[in-house]
Amino acid sequence: MTLRPIITLPDEKTLRQISRPVAAVDAEVRKQWDDMLETMYHAPGIGLAAIQIGLPRRLLVIDLAKDGEEKQPLFVANPEIVWKSEAQSDYEEGCLSIPE
């Protein structure tokens, strides 16, 4: 695994690129997921999209385990939003690409 630099604002040119779909989960995709996961844990964060490390691919990693809990990473390729609740909640923003 390789720790990758996280792209942050004001680098909107990189962050707003349209990411390519992933045709197949192969060794290259698994390596990218591993790098993303290591980078996310190091930040620390609970989620990271590939574009946040400069890879315009439709990949992301998530781990919602709390401190002291066993890690439960989720690896996602080609995510799509297919439903949205009408309910709203307030949360503190935690995007690793938007510091502070």
C-alpha atoms as a PDB file:
ATOM      1  CA  MET A   1       0.000   0.000   0.000  1.00  0.00           C
ATOM      2  CA  THR A   2       1.119   3.526  -0.771  1.00  0.00           C
ATOM      3  CA  LEU A   3       0.179   6.671   1.104  1.00  0.00           C
ATOM      4  CA  ARG A   4      -1.033   9.181  -1.491  1.00  0.00           C
ATOM      5  CA  PRO A   5      -1.343  12.978  -1.159  1.00  0.00           C
ATOM      6  CA  ILE A   6      -4.933  14.185  -0.829  1.00  0.00           C
ATOM      7  CA  ILE A   7      -5.952  16.867  -3.337  1.00  0.00           C
ATOM      8  CA  THR A   8      -7.537  19.833  -1.552  1.00  0.00           C
ATOM      9  CA  LEU A   9      -9.217  23.088  -2.488  1.00  0.00           C
ATOM     10  CA  PRO A  10      -8.483  25.358  -4.208  1.00  0.00           C
ATOM     11  CA  ASP A  11      -7.495  22.651  -6.767  1.00  0.00           C
ATOM     12  CA  GLU A  12     -10.994  22.520  -8.263  1.00  0.00           C
ATOM     13  CA  LYS A  13      -9.597  21.673 -11.717  1.00  0.00           C
ATOM     14  CA  THR A  14      -8.573  18.233 -10.422  1.00  0.00           C
ATOM     15  CA  LEU A  15     -11.444  17.692  -7.989  1.00  0.00           C
ATOM     16  CA  ARG A  16     -14.141  18.522 -10.557  1.00  0.00           C
ATOM     17  CA  GLN A  17     -12.883  16.163 -13.260  1.00  0.00           C
ATOM     18  CA  ILE A  18     -15.447  13.669 -14.492  1.00  0.00           C
ATOM     19  CA  SER A  19     -14.365  10.241 -13.309  1.00  0.00           C
ATOM     20  CA  ARG A  20     -14.279   7.270 -15.683  1.00  0.00           C
ATOM     21  CA  PRO A  21     -16.329   4.148 -14.923  1.00  0.00           C
ATOM     22  CA  VAL A  22     -14.419   1.039 -13.923  1.00  0.00           C
ATOM     23  CA  ALA A  23     -14.803  -1.760 -16.494  1.00  0.00           C
ATOM     24  CA  ALA A  24     -13.550  -4.572 -14.231  1.00  0.00           C
ATOM     25  CA  VAL A  25     -12.233  -5.032 -10.723  1.00  0.00           C
ATOM     26  CA  ASP A  26      -8.713  -6.240 -11.425  1.00  0.00           C
ATOM     27  CA  ALA A  27      -5.334  -6.113  -9.662  1.00  0.00           C
ATOM     28  CA  GLU A  28      -4.868  -2.437 -10.598  1.00  0.00           C
ATOM     29  CA  VAL A  29      -8.233  -1.458  -9.062  1.00  0.00           C
ATOM     30  CA  ARG A  30      -7.493  -3.486  -5.908  1.00  0.00           C
ATOM     31  CA  LYS A  31      -4.114  -1.728  -5.572  1.00  0.00           C
ATOM     32  CA  GLN A  32      -5.802   1.666  -5.976  1.00  0.00           C
ATOM     33  CA  TRP A  33      -8.364   0.750  -3.309  1.00  0.00           C
ATOM     34  CA  ASP A  34      -5.550  -0.336  -0.959  1.00  0.00           C
ATOM     35  CA  ASP A  35      -3.721   2.977  -1.509  1.00  0.00           C
ATOM     36  CA  MET A  36      -6.956   4.913  -0.964  1.00  0.00           C
ATOM     37  CA  LEU A  37      -7.716   3.019   2.247  1.00  0.00           C
ATOM     38  CA  GLU A  38      -4.236   3.618   3.681  1.00  0.00           C
ATOM     39  CA  THR A  39      -4.481   7.307   2.739  1.00  0.00           C
ATOM     40  CA  MET A  40      -7.957   7.636   4.282  1.00  0.00           C
ATOM     41  CA  TYR A  41      -6.940   5.970   7.572  1.00  0.00           C
ATOM     42  CA  HIS A  42      -3.805   8.118   7.778  1.00  0.00           C
ATOM     43  CA  ALA A  43      -5.747  11.399   7.224  1.00  0.00           C
ATOM     44  CA  PRO A  44      -7.837  10.263   9.315  1.00  0.00           C
ATOM     45  CA  GLY A  45     -11.163  10.030   7.557  1.00  0.00           C
ATOM     46  CA  ILE A  46     -14.172   7.755   7.034  1.00  0.00           C
ATOM     47  CA  GLY A  47     -14.418   7.960   3.249  1.00  0.00           C
ATOM     48  CA  LEU A  48     -12.319   8.820   0.208  1.00  0.00           C
ATOM     49  CA  ALA A  49     -13.057   8.990  -3.505  1.00  0.00           C
ATOM     50  CA  ALA A  50     -10.362   8.226  -6.067  1.00  0.00           C
ATOM     51  CA  ILE A  51     -10.514  11.768  -7.476  1.00  0.00           C
ATOM     52  CA  GLN A  52      -9.357  13.024  -4.064  1.00  0.00           C
ATOM     53  CA  ILE A  53      -5.974  11.410  -4.724  1.00  0.00           C
ATOM     54  CA  GLY A  54      -5.923  12.533  -8.344  1.00  0.00           C
ATOM     55  CA  LEU A  55      -7.367   9.393  -9.953  1.00  0.00           C
ATOM     56  CA  PRO A  56     -10.381  10.226 -12.151  1.00  0.00           C
ATOM     57  CA  ARG A  57     -11.977   6.791 -11.662  1.00  0.00           C
ATOM     58  CA  ARG A  58     -15.350   5.908 -10.142  1.00  0.00           C
ATOM     59  CA  LEU A  59     -13.926   4.302  -7.000  1.00  0.00           C
ATOM     60  CA  LEU A  60     -14.352   4.997  -3.309  1.00  0.00           C
ATOM     61  CA  VAL A  61     -13.569   3.506   0.077  1.00  0.00           C
ATOM     62  CA  ILE A  62     -15.546   3.902   3.292  1.00  0.00           C
ATOM     63  CA  ASP A  63     -15.070   2.711   6.868  1.00  0.00           C
ATOM     64  CA  LEU A  64     -17.607   3.835   9.480  1.00  0.00           C
ATOM     65  CA  ALA A  65     -16.072   1.823  12.360  1.00  0.00           C
ATOM     66  CA  LYS A  66     -15.624   3.927  15.466  1.00  0.00           C
ATOM     67  CA  ASP A  67     -12.353   4.183  17.417  1.00  0.00           C
ATOM     68  CA  GLY A  68     -11.678   0.900  19.186  1.00  0.00           C
ATOM     69  CA  GLU A  69     -13.955  -1.091  16.857  1.00  0.00           C
ATOM     70  CA  GLU A  70     -12.673  -3.566  14.303  1.00  0.00           C
ATOM     71  CA  LYS A  71     -12.119  -1.909  10.925  1.00  0.00           C
ATOM     72  CA  GLN A  72     -14.842  -2.689   8.364  1.00  0.00           C
ATOM     73  CA  PRO A  73     -13.706  -1.207   5.044  1.00  0.00           C
ATOM     74  CA  LEU A  74     -16.156  -1.032   2.162  1.00  0.00           C
ATOM     75  CA  PHE A  75     -14.775  -0.889  -1.393  1.00  0.00           C
ATOM     76  CA  VAL A  76     -17.078   0.585  -4.054  1.00  0.00           C
ATOM     77  CA  ALA A  77     -16.765   0.723  -7.843  1.00  0.00           C
ATOM     78  CA  ASN A  78     -19.098   2.719 -10.079  1.00  0.00           C
ATOM     79  CA  PRO A  79     -21.352   4.099  -7.313  1.00  0.00           C
ATOM     80  CA  GLU A  80     -24.724   5.553  -8.292  1.00  0.00           C
ATOM     81  CA  ILE A  81     -27.267   7.460  -6.238  1.00  0.00           C
ATOM     82  CA  VAL A  82     -30.543   5.650  -6.937  1.00  0.00           C
ATOM     83  CA  TRP A  83     -32.705   6.993  -4.098  1.00  0.00           C
ATOM     84  CA  LYS A  84     -32.747   9.942  -1.740  1.00  0.00           C
ATOM     85  CA  SER A  85     -34.707  10.455   1.448  1.00  0.00           C
ATOM     86  CA  GLU A  86     -36.754  13.592   1.977  1.00  0.00           C
ATOM     87  CA  ALA A  87     -35.516  13.682   5.603  1.00  0.00           C
ATOM     88  CA  GLN A  88     -32.800  16.196   6.399  1.00  0.00           C
ATOM     89  CA  SER A  89     -30.159  16.231   9.125  1.00  0.00           C
ATOM     90  CA  ASP A  90     -27.384  18.586  10.142  1.00  0.00           C
ATOM     91  CA  TYR A  91     -23.864  17.181  10.321  1.00  0.00           C
ATOM     92  CA  GLU A  92     -20.402  18.673  10.490  1.00  0.00           C
ATOM     93  CA  GLU A  93     -18.683  18.553   7.089  1.00  0.00           C
ATOM     94  CA  GLY A  94     -15.822  16.071   7.060  1.00  0.00           C
ATOM     95  CA  CYS A  95     -14.533  16.079   3.475  1.00  0.00           C
ATOM     96  CA  LEU A  96     -10.778  15.494   3.432  1.00  0.00           C
ATOM     97  CA  SER A  97     -10.475  17.704   0.326  1.00  0.00           C
ATOM     98  CA  ILE A  98     -12.028  20.708   2.107  1.00  0.00           C
ATOM     99  CA  PRO A  99      -9.823  21.329   5.153  1.00  0.00           C
ATOM    100  CA  GLU A 100     -11.137  23.403   8.039  1.00  0.00           C
END
